[in-house]
Amino acid sequence: MKKMNSRELLNQLEVDIRQLILKVKYYSKEDASLLLVQVSSDKWSVAQILEHLNSYGRYYLPHMTIAIDKAEASHWSATTDYRSGDPRCARR
């Protein structure tokens, strides 16, 4: 896997998420029913995808917060580079 600078990756993810939020807000104001459209019976609508992501967030975000708090209490710090799937996501 390709290495990425952790700070740049987080910044880009934040930009991407903000753009997606703006798009969803736009479509929900224009015609909220567009968010419910499934292009085929085996594809999810935008609303279904968002609910799926939110349900995972409700489960995983508290666990991530606990893990971050434990890492900070143990004086672990983030690595400069991020590599997907790399088990060495933090160092002392």
PDB file of N, CA and C in Angstrom:
ATOM      1  N   MET A   1       0.827  -1.196   0.000  1.00  0.00           N
ATOM      2  CA  MET A   1       0.000   0.000   0.000  1.00  0.00           C
ATOM      3  C   MET A   1       0.866   1.252   0.000  1.00  0.00           C
ATOM      4  N   LYS A   2       0.385   2.261  -0.659  1.00  0.00           N
ATOM      5  CA  LYS A   2       1.088   3.541  -0.739  1.00  0.00           C
ATOM      6  C   LYS A   2       1.018   4.280   0.598  1.00  0.00           C
ATOM      7  N   LYS A   3       2.142   4.900   0.981  1.00  0.00           N
ATOM      8  CA  LYS A   3       2.166   5.727   2.190  1.00  0.00           C
ATOM      9  C   LYS A   3       1.563   7.083   1.882  1.00  0.00           C
ATOM     10  N   MET A   4       0.848   7.631   2.858  1.00  0.00           N
ATOM     11  CA  MET A   4       0.274   8.965   2.733  1.00  0.00           C
ATOM     12  C   MET A   4       0.626   9.743   3.997  1.00  0.00           C
ATOM     13  N   ASN A   5       0.802  11.034   3.859  1.00  0.00           N
ATOM     14  CA  ASN A   5       1.020  11.874   5.025  1.00  0.00           C
ATOM     15  C   ASN A   5      -0.284  11.920   5.815  1.00  0.00           C
ATOM     16  N   SER A   6      -0.224  11.579   7.093  1.00  0.00           N
ATOM     17  CA  SER A   6      -1.426  11.484   7.924  1.00  0.00           C
ATOM     18  C   SER A   6      -2.204  12.792   7.978  1.00  0.00           C
ATOM     19  N   ARG A   7      -1.513  13.900   8.178  1.00  0.00           N
ATOM     20  CA  ARG A   7      -2.182  15.204   8.290  1.00  0.00           C
ATOM     21  C   ARG A   7      -2.866  15.558   6.969  1.00  0.00           C
ATOM     22  N   GLU A   8      -2.177  15.339   5.840  1.00  0.00           N
ATOM     23  CA  GLU A   8      -2.769  15.643   4.535  1.00  0.00           C
ATOM     24  C   GLU A   8      -3.991  14.761   4.275  1.00  0.00           C
ATOM     25  N   LEU A   9      -3.878  13.487   4.648  1.00  0.00           N
ATOM     26  CA  LEU A   9      -5.011  12.575   4.471  1.00  0.00           C
ATOM     27  C   LEU A   9      -6.212  13.042   5.278  1.00  0.00           C
ATOM     28  N   LEU A  10      -6.014  13.376   6.529  1.00  0.00           N
ATOM     29  CA  LEU A  10      -7.121  13.840   7.373  1.00  0.00           C
ATOM     30  C   LEU A  10      -7.722  15.138   6.829  1.00  0.00           C
ATOM     31  N   ASN A  11      -6.872  16.045   6.371  1.00  0.00           N
ATOM     32  CA  ASN A  11      -7.373  17.296   5.800  1.00  0.00           C
ATOM     33  C   ASN A  11      -8.209  17.033   4.547  1.00  0.00           C
ATOM     34  N   GLN A  12      -7.737  16.131   3.678  1.00  0.00           N
ATOM     35  CA  GLN A  12      -8.485  15.823   2.465  1.00  0.00           C
ATOM     36  C   GLN A  12      -9.801  15.126   2.785  1.00  0.00           C
ATOM     37  N   LEU A  13      -9.793  14.228   3.748  1.00  0.00           N
ATOM     38  CA  LEU A  13     -11.036  13.564   4.155  1.00  0.00           C
ATOM     39  C   LEU A  13     -12.049  14.578   4.693  1.00  0.00           C
ATOM     40  N   GLU A  14     -11.562  15.554   5.451  1.00  0.00           N
ATOM     41  CA  GLU A  14     -12.461  16.590   5.979  1.00  0.00           C
ATOM     42  C   GLU A  14     -13.067  17.404   4.843  1.00  0.00           C
ATOM     43  N   VAL A  15     -12.260  17.772   3.863  1.00  0.00           N
ATOM     44  CA  VAL A  15     -12.760  18.523   2.696  1.00  0.00           C
ATOM     45  C   VAL A  15     -13.813  17.688   1.961  1.00  0.00           C
ATOM     46  N   ASP A  16     -13.510  16.412   1.728  1.00  0.00           N
ATOM     47  CA  ASP A  16     -14.450  15.526   1.026  1.00  0.00           C
ATOM     48  C   ASP A  16     -15.776  15.424   1.769  1.00  0.00           C
ATOM     49  N   ILE A  17     -15.721  15.252   3.080  1.00  0.00           N
ATOM     50  CA  ILE A  17     -16.940  15.108   3.874  1.00  0.00           C
ATOM     51  C   ILE A  17     -17.756  16.397   3.844  1.00  0.00           C
ATOM     52  N   ARG A  18     -17.082  17.529   3.969  1.00  0.00           N
ATOM     53  CA  ARG A  18     -17.811  18.811   3.924  1.00  0.00           C
ATOM     54  C   ARG A  18     -18.506  19.003   2.576  1.00  0.00           C
ATOM     55  N   GLN A  19     -17.857  18.609   1.483  1.00  0.00           N
ATOM     56  CA  GLN A  19     -18.468  18.722   0.157  1.00  0.00           C
ATOM     57  C   GLN A  19     -19.683  17.811   0.039  1.00  0.00           C
ATOM     58  N   LEU A  20     -19.573  16.600   0.579  1.00  0.00           N
ATOM     59  CA  LEU A  20     -20.701  15.676   0.532  1.00  0.00           C
ATOM     60  C   LEU A  20     -21.881  16.180   1.368  1.00  0.00           C
ATOM     61  N   ILE A  21     -21.582  16.752   2.518  1.00  0.00           N
ATOM     62  CA  ILE A  21     -22.647  17.315   3.354  1.00  0.00           C
ATOM     63  C   ILE A  21     -23.372  18.431   2.607  1.00  0.00           C
ATOM     64  N   LEU A  22     -22.621  19.293   1.940  1.00  0.00           N
ATOM     65  CA  LEU A  22     -23.231  20.374   1.164  1.00  0.00           C
ATOM     66  C   LEU A  22     -24.123  19.827   0.049  1.00  0.00           C
ATOM     67  N   LYS A  23     -23.680  18.777  -0.620  1.00  0.00           N
ATOM     68  CA  LYS A  23     -24.485  18.176  -1.699  1.00  0.00           C
ATOM     69  C   LYS A  23     -25.781  17.600  -1.149  1.00  0.00           C
ATOM     70  N   VAL A  24     -25.693  16.891  -0.038  1.00  0.00           N
ATOM     71  CA  VAL A  24     -26.899  16.299   0.554  1.00  0.00           C
ATOM     72  C   VAL A  24     -27.866  17.398   0.986  1.00  0.00           C
ATOM     73  N   LYS A  25     -27.329  18.464   1.605  1.00  0.00           N
ATOM     74  CA  LYS A  25     -28.196  19.576   2.007  1.00  0.00           C
ATOM     75  C   LYS A  25     -28.867  20.213   0.799  1.00  0.00           C
ATOM     76  N   TYR A  26     -28.106  20.384  -0.281  1.00  0.00           N
ATOM     77  CA  TYR A  26     -28.659  20.981  -1.502  1.00  0.00           C
ATOM     78  C   TYR A  26     -29.818  20.138  -2.041  1.00  0.00           C
ATOM     79  N   TYR A  27     -29.574  18.829  -2.192  1.00  0.00           N
ATOM     80  CA  TYR A  27     -30.612  17.964  -2.756  1.00  0.00           C
ATOM     81  C   TYR A  27     -31.801  17.809  -1.821  1.00  0.00           C
ATOM     82  N   SER A  28     -31.559  17.846  -0.521  1.00  0.00           N
ATOM     83  CA  SER A  28     -32.683  17.715   0.402  1.00  0.00           C
ATOM     84  C   SER A  28     -33.560  18.965   0.377  1.00  0.00           C
ATOM     85  N   LYS A  29     -32.971  20.130   0.061  1.00  0.00           N
ATOM     86  CA  LYS A  29     -33.773  21.357  -0.057  1.00  0.00           C
ATOM     87  C   LYS A  29     -34.475  21.430  -1.410  1.00  0.00           C
ATOM     88  N   GLU A  30     -33.790  20.997  -2.469  1.00  0.00           N
ATOM     89  CA  GLU A  30     -34.368  21.047  -3.809  1.00  0.00           C
ATOM     90  C   GLU A  30     -35.524  20.053  -3.949  1.00  0.00           C
ATOM     91  N   ASP A  31     -35.229  18.812  -3.654  1.00  0.00           N
ATOM     92  CA  ASP A  31     -36.234  17.760  -3.762  1.00  0.00           C
ATOM     93  C   ASP A  31     -35.781  16.574  -2.917  1.00  0.00           C
ATOM     94  N   ALA A  32     -36.223  16.561  -1.677  1.00  0.00           N
ATOM     95  CA  ALA A  32     -35.786  15.535  -0.719  1.00  0.00           C
ATOM     96  C   ALA A  32     -36.095  14.124  -1.209  1.00  0.00           C
ATOM     97  N   SER A  33     -37.082  13.983  -2.058  1.00  0.00           N
ATOM     98  CA  SER A  33     -37.427  12.644  -2.548  1.00  0.00           C
ATOM     99  C   SER A  33     -36.300  12.046  -3.384  1.00  0.00           C
ATOM    100  N   LEU A  34     -35.406  12.891  -3.924  1.00  0.00           N
ATOM    101  CA  LEU A  34     -34.263  12.379  -4.686  1.00  0.00           C
ATOM    102  C   LEU A  34     -33.362  11.506  -3.824  1.00  0.00           C
ATOM    103  N   LEU A  35     -33.311  11.808  -2.524  1.00  0.00           N
ATOM    104  CA  LEU A  35     -32.457  11.039  -1.623  1.00  0.00           C
ATOM    105  C   LEU A  35     -33.000   9.629  -1.378  1.00  0.00           C
ATOM    106  N   LEU A  36     -34.261   9.403  -1.727  1.00  0.00           N
ATOM    107  CA  LEU A  36     -34.898   8.101  -1.508  1.00  0.00           C
ATOM    108  C   LEU A  36     -34.869   7.203  -2.738  1.00  0.00           C
ATOM    109  N   VAL A  37     -34.427   7.750  -3.863  1.00  0.00           N
ATOM    110  CA  VAL A  37     -34.446   7.004  -5.125  1.00  0.00           C
ATOM    111  C   VAL A  37     -33.396   5.903  -5.128  1.00  0.00           C
ATOM    112  N   GLN A  38     -33.837   4.705  -5.493  1.00  0.00           N
ATOM    113  CA  GLN A  38     -32.926   3.585  -5.707  1.00  0.00           C
ATOM    114  C   GLN A  38     -32.855   3.365  -7.217  1.00  0.00           C
ATOM    115  N   VAL A  39     -31.644   3.404  -7.776  1.00  0.00           N
ATOM    116  CA  VAL A  39     -31.517   3.253  -9.232  1.00  0.00           C
ATOM    117  C   VAL A  39     -31.883   1.851  -9.699  1.00  0.00           C
ATOM    118  N   SER A  40     -31.768   0.885  -8.804  1.00  0.00           N
ATOM    119  CA  SER A  40     -32.261  -0.465  -9.072  1.00  0.00           C
ATOM    120  C   SER A  40     -32.556  -1.125  -7.732  1.00  0.00           C
ATOM    121  N   SER A  41     -33.255  -2.234  -7.783  1.00  0.00           N
ATOM    122  CA  SER A  41     -33.685  -2.872  -6.539  1.00  0.00           C
ATOM    123  C   SER A  41     -32.517  -3.400  -5.702  1.00  0.00           C
ATOM    124  N   ASP A  42     -31.367  -3.614  -6.332  1.00  0.00           N
ATOM    125  CA  ASP A  42     -30.211  -4.119  -5.579  1.00  0.00           C
ATOM    126  C   ASP A  42     -29.227  -3.009  -5.201  1.00  0.00           C
ATOM    127  N   LYS A  43     -29.621  -1.750  -5.391  1.00  0.00           N
ATOM    128  CA  LYS A  43     -28.768  -0.602  -5.029  1.00  0.00           C
ATOM    129  C   LYS A  43     -29.462   0.215  -3.950  1.00  0.00           C
ATOM    130  N   TRP A  44     -28.658   0.752  -3.046  1.00  0.00           N
ATOM    131  CA  TRP A  44     -29.201   1.576  -1.978  1.00  0.00           C
ATOM    132  C   TRP A  44     -29.435   2.998  -2.452  1.00  0.00           C
ATOM    133  N   SER A  45     -30.405   3.654  -1.823  1.00  0.00           N
ATOM    134  CA  SER A  45     -30.623   5.082  -2.059  1.00  0.00           C
ATOM    135  C   SER A  45     -29.605   5.871  -1.233  1.00  0.00           C
ATOM    136  N   VAL A  46     -29.496   7.151  -1.512  1.00  0.00           N
ATOM    137  CA  VAL A  46     -28.602   8.015  -0.734  1.00  0.00           C
ATOM    138  C   VAL A  46     -29.029   8.000   0.732  1.00  0.00           C
ATOM    139  N   ALA A  47     -30.320   8.065   0.986  1.00  0.00           N
ATOM    140  CA  ALA A  47     -30.820   8.060   2.367  1.00  0.00           C
ATOM    141  C   ALA A  47     -30.438   6.759   3.080  1.00  0.00           C
ATOM    142  N   GLN A  48     -30.528   5.634   2.395  1.00  0.00           N
ATOM    143  CA  GLN A  48     -30.150   4.360   3.000  1.00  0.00           C
ATOM    144  C   GLN A  48     -28.648   4.305   3.303  1.00  0.00           C
ATOM    145  N   ILE A  49     -27.847   4.824   2.392  1.00  0.00           N
ATOM    146  CA  ILE A  49     -26.398   4.860   2.607  1.00  0.00           C
ATOM    147  C   ILE A  49     -26.067   5.726   3.813  1.00  0.00           C
ATOM    148  N   LEU A  50     -26.686   6.909   3.885  1.00  0.00           N
ATOM    149  CA  LEU A  50     -26.421   7.809   5.013  1.00  0.00           C
ATOM    150  C   LEU A  50     -26.848   7.185   6.337  1.00  0.00           C
ATOM    151  N   GLU A  51     -27.988   6.512   6.341  1.00  0.00           N
ATOM    152  CA  GLU A  51     -28.430   5.855   7.577  1.00  0.00           C
ATOM    153  C   GLU A  51     -27.465   4.741   7.971  1.00  0.00           C
ATOM    154  N   HIS A  52     -26.986   4.002   6.988  1.00  0.00           N
ATOM    155  CA  HIS A  52     -26.009   2.948   7.262  1.00  0.00           C
ATOM    156  C   HIS A  52     -24.735   3.546   7.867  1.00  0.00           C
ATOM    157  N   LEU A  53     -24.217   4.621   7.268  1.00  0.00           N
ATOM    158  CA  LEU A  53     -23.015   5.274   7.788  1.00  0.00           C
ATOM    159  C   LEU A  53     -23.251   5.836   9.190  1.00  0.00           C
ATOM    160  N   ASN A  54     -24.405   6.430   9.405  1.00  0.00           N
ATOM    161  CA  ASN A  54     -24.726   6.977  10.728  1.00  0.00           C
ATOM    162  C   ASN A  54     -24.827   5.874  11.774  1.00  0.00           C
ATOM    163  N   SER A  55     -25.421   4.738  11.409  1.00  0.00           N
ATOM    164  CA  SER A  55     -25.535   3.653  12.386  1.00  0.00           C
ATOM    165  C   SER A  55     -24.155   3.108  12.740  1.00  0.00           C
ATOM    166  N   TYR A  56     -23.271   2.999  11.774  1.00  0.00           N
ATOM    167  CA  TYR A  56     -21.902   2.564  12.072  1.00  0.00           C
ATOM    168  C   TYR A  56     -21.190   3.603  12.919  1.00  0.00           C
ATOM    169  N   GLY A  57     -21.419   4.880  12.610  1.00  0.00           N
ATOM    170  CA  GLY A  57     -20.815   5.950  13.394  1.00  0.00           C
ATOM    171  C   GLY A  57     -21.260   5.920  14.839  1.00  0.00           C
ATOM    172  N   ARG A  58     -22.552   5.664  15.064  1.00  0.00           N
ATOM    173  CA  ARG A  58     -23.059   5.586  16.445  1.00  0.00           C
ATOM    174  C   ARG A  58     -22.377   4.455  17.214  1.00  0.00           C
ATOM    175  N   TYR A  59     -21.993   3.401  16.512  1.00  0.00           N
ATOM    176  CA  TYR A  59     -21.320   2.290  17.170  1.00  0.00           C
ATOM    177  C   TYR A  59     -19.812   2.561  17.307  1.00  0.00           C
ATOM    178  N   TYR A  60     -19.150   2.910  16.205  1.00  0.00           N
ATOM    179  CA  TYR A  60     -17.691   2.988  16.199  1.00  0.00           C
ATOM    180  C   TYR A  60     -17.097   4.253  16.810  1.00  0.00           C
ATOM    181  N   LEU A  61     -17.742   5.392  16.659  1.00  0.00           N
ATOM    182  CA  LEU A  61     -17.150   6.640  17.155  1.00  0.00           C
ATOM    183  C   LEU A  61     -16.876   6.628  18.654  1.00  0.00           C
ATOM    184  N   PRO A  62     -17.794   6.123  19.496  1.00  0.00           N
ATOM    185  CA  PRO A  62     -17.460   6.048  20.931  1.00  0.00           C
ATOM    186  C   PRO A  62     -16.255   5.139  21.195  1.00  0.00           C
ATOM    187  N   HIS A  63     -16.141   4.030  20.461  1.00  0.00           N
ATOM    188  CA  HIS A  63     -15.002   3.133  20.623  1.00  0.00           C
ATOM    189  C   HIS A  63     -13.699   3.806  20.180  1.00  0.00           C
ATOM    190  N   MET A  64     -13.781   4.579  19.115  1.00  0.00           N
ATOM    191  CA  MET A  64     -12.597   5.311  18.645  1.00  0.00           C
ATOM    192  C   MET A  64     -12.166   6.361  19.667  1.00  0.00           C
ATOM    193  N   THR A  65     -13.131   7.036  20.256  1.00  0.00           N
ATOM    194  CA  THR A  65     -12.826   8.042  21.275  1.00  0.00           C
ATOM    195  C   THR A  65     -12.123   7.400  22.467  1.00  0.00           C
ATOM    196  N   ILE A  66     -12.614   6.255  22.894  1.00  0.00           N
ATOM    197  CA  ILE A  66     -11.985   5.538  24.010  1.00  0.00           C
ATOM    198  C   ILE A  66     -10.556   5.141  23.637  1.00  0.00           C
ATOM    199  N   ALA A  67     -10.356   4.612  22.443  1.00  0.00           N
ATOM    200  CA  ALA A  67      -9.020   4.192  22.006  1.00  0.00           C
ATOM    201  C   ALA A  67      -8.069   5.392  21.929  1.00  0.00           C
ATOM    202  N   ILE A  68      -8.547   6.519  21.426  1.00  0.00           N
ATOM    203  CA  ILE A  68      -7.717   7.726  21.348  1.00  0.00           C
ATOM    204  C   ILE A  68      -7.359   8.218  22.744  1.00  0.00           C
ATOM    205  N   ASP A  69      -8.340   8.232  23.638  1.00  0.00           N
ATOM    206  CA  ASP A  69      -8.080   8.656  25.025  1.00  0.00           C
ATOM    207  C   ASP A  69      -7.042   7.761  25.693  1.00  0.00           C
ATOM    208  N   LYS A  70      -7.154   6.440  25.478  1.00  0.00           N
ATOM    209  CA  LYS A  70      -6.181   5.509  26.053  1.00  0.00           C
ATOM    210  C   LYS A  70      -4.792   5.747  25.465  1.00  0.00           C
ATOM    211  N   ALA A  71      -4.716   5.973  24.160  1.00  0.00           N
ATOM    212  CA  ALA A  71      -3.424   6.210  23.509  1.00  0.00           C
ATOM    213  C   ALA A  71      -2.786   7.490  24.041  1.00  0.00           C
ATOM    214  N   GLU A  72      -3.594   8.540  24.195  1.00  0.00           N
ATOM    215  CA  GLU A  72      -3.062   9.800  24.724  1.00  0.00           C
ATOM    216  C   GLU A  72      -2.592   9.633  26.163  1.00  0.00           C
ATOM    217  N   ALA A  73      -3.343   8.886  26.959  1.00  0.00           N
ATOM    218  CA  ALA A  73      -2.954   8.658  28.357  1.00  0.00           C
ATOM    219  C   ALA A  73      -1.660   7.856  28.449  1.00  0.00           C
ATOM    220  N   SER A  74      -1.405   7.026  27.440  1.00  0.00           N
ATOM    221  CA  SER A  74      -0.182   6.217  27.402  1.00  0.00           C
ATOM    222  C   SER A  74       0.957   6.944  26.687  1.00  0.00           C
ATOM    223  N   HIS A  75       0.703   8.195  26.296  1.00  0.00           N
ATOM    224  CA  HIS A  75       1.685   9.037  25.595  1.00  0.00           C
ATOM    225  C   HIS A  75       2.067   8.490  24.223  1.00  0.00           C
ATOM    226  N   TRP A  76       1.113   7.847  23.561  1.00  0.00           N
ATOM    227  CA  TRP A  76       1.341   7.418  22.181  1.00  0.00           C
ATOM    228  C   TRP A  76       1.089   8.616  21.294  1.00  0.00           C
ATOM    229  N   SER A  77       1.756   8.667  20.161  1.00  0.00           N
ATOM    230  CA  SER A  77       1.508   9.752  19.213  1.00  0.00           C
ATOM    231  C   SER A  77       1.295   9.161  17.826  1.00  0.00           C
ATOM    232  N   ALA A  78       0.612   9.896  17.007  1.00  0.00           N
ATOM    233  CA  ALA A  78       0.325   9.434  15.655  1.00  0.00           C
ATOM    234  C   ALA A  78       1.611   9.412  14.826  1.00  0.00           C
ATOM    235  N   THR A  79       1.643   8.503  13.879  1.00  0.00           N
ATOM    236  CA  THR A  79       2.773   8.461  12.963  1.00  0.00           C
ATOM    237  C   THR A  79       2.594   9.555  11.915  1.00  0.00           C
ATOM    238  N   THR A  80       3.691   9.969  11.314  1.00  0.00           N
ATOM    239  CA  THR A  80       3.634  11.004  10.278  1.00  0.00           C
ATOM    240  C   THR A  80       2.963  10.475   9.024  1.00  0.00           C
ATOM    241  N   ASP A  81       3.255   9.226   8.695  1.00  0.00           N
ATOM    242  CA  ASP A  81       2.705   8.621   7.483  1.00  0.00           C
ATOM    243  C   ASP A  81       1.663   7.577   7.835  1.00  0.00           C
ATOM    244  N   TYR A  82       0.708   7.437   6.937  1.00  0.00           N
ATOM    245  CA  TYR A  82      -0.352   6.454   7.097  1.00  0.00           C
ATOM    246  C   TYR A  82      -0.269   5.486   5.922  1.00  0.00           C
ATOM    247  N   ARG A  83      -0.400   4.216   6.215  1.00  0.00           N
ATOM    248  CA  ARG A  83      -0.444   3.190   5.171  1.00  0.00           C
ATOM    249  C   ARG A  83      -1.645   2.306   5.493  1.00  0.00           C
ATOM    250  N   SER A  84      -2.587   2.217   4.576  1.00  0.00           N
ATOM    251  CA  SER A  84      -3.790   1.431   4.797  1.00  0.00           C
ATOM    252  C   SER A  84      -3.442   0.001   5.175  1.00  0.00           C
ATOM    253  N   GLY A  85      -4.042  -0.478   6.259  1.00  0.00           N
ATOM    254  CA  GLY A  85      -3.823  -1.832   6.703  1.00  0.00           C
ATOM    255  C   GLY A  85      -2.566  -2.027   7.540  1.00  0.00           C
ATOM    256  N   ASP A  86      -1.787  -0.966   7.752  1.00  0.00           N
ATOM    257  CA  ASP A  86      -0.552  -1.064   8.529  1.00  0.00           C
ATOM    258  C   ASP A  86      -0.907  -1.179  10.009  1.00  0.00           C
ATOM    259  N   PRO A  87      -0.517  -2.265  10.683  1.00  0.00           N
ATOM    260  CA  PRO A  87      -0.850  -2.414  12.099  1.00  0.00           C
ATOM    261  C   PRO A  87      -0.101  -1.439  12.999  1.00  0.00           C
ATOM    262  N   ARG A  88       0.914  -0.778  12.477  1.00  0.00           N
ATOM    263  CA  ARG A  88       1.693   0.162  13.278  1.00  0.00           C
ATOM    264  C   ARG A  88       1.107   1.571  13.121  1.00  0.00           C
ATOM    265  N   CYS A  89      -0.140   1.740  13.509  1.00  0.00           N
ATOM    266  CA  CYS A  89      -0.819   3.018  13.301  1.00  0.00           C
ATOM    267  C   CYS A  89      -0.411   4.061  14.337  1.00  0.00           C
ATOM    268  N   ALA A  90       0.245   3.657  15.380  1.00  0.00           N
ATOM    269  CA  ALA A  90       0.698   4.612  16.395  1.00  0.00           C
ATOM    270  C   ALA A  90       2.037   4.154  16.928  1.00  0.00           C
ATOM    271  N   ARG A  91       2.772   5.085  17.454  1.00  0.00           N
ATOM    272  CA  ARG A  91       4.077   4.747  18.021  1.00  0.00           C
ATOM    273  C   ARG A  91       4.262   5.482  19.325  1.00  0.00           C
ATOM    274  N   ARG A  92       5.187   5.007  20.138  1.00  0.00           N
ATOM    275  CA  ARG A  92       5.481   5.672  21.407  1.00  0.00           C
ATOM    276  C   ARG A  92       6.488   6.749  21.193  1.00  0.00           C
TER     277      ARG A  92
END
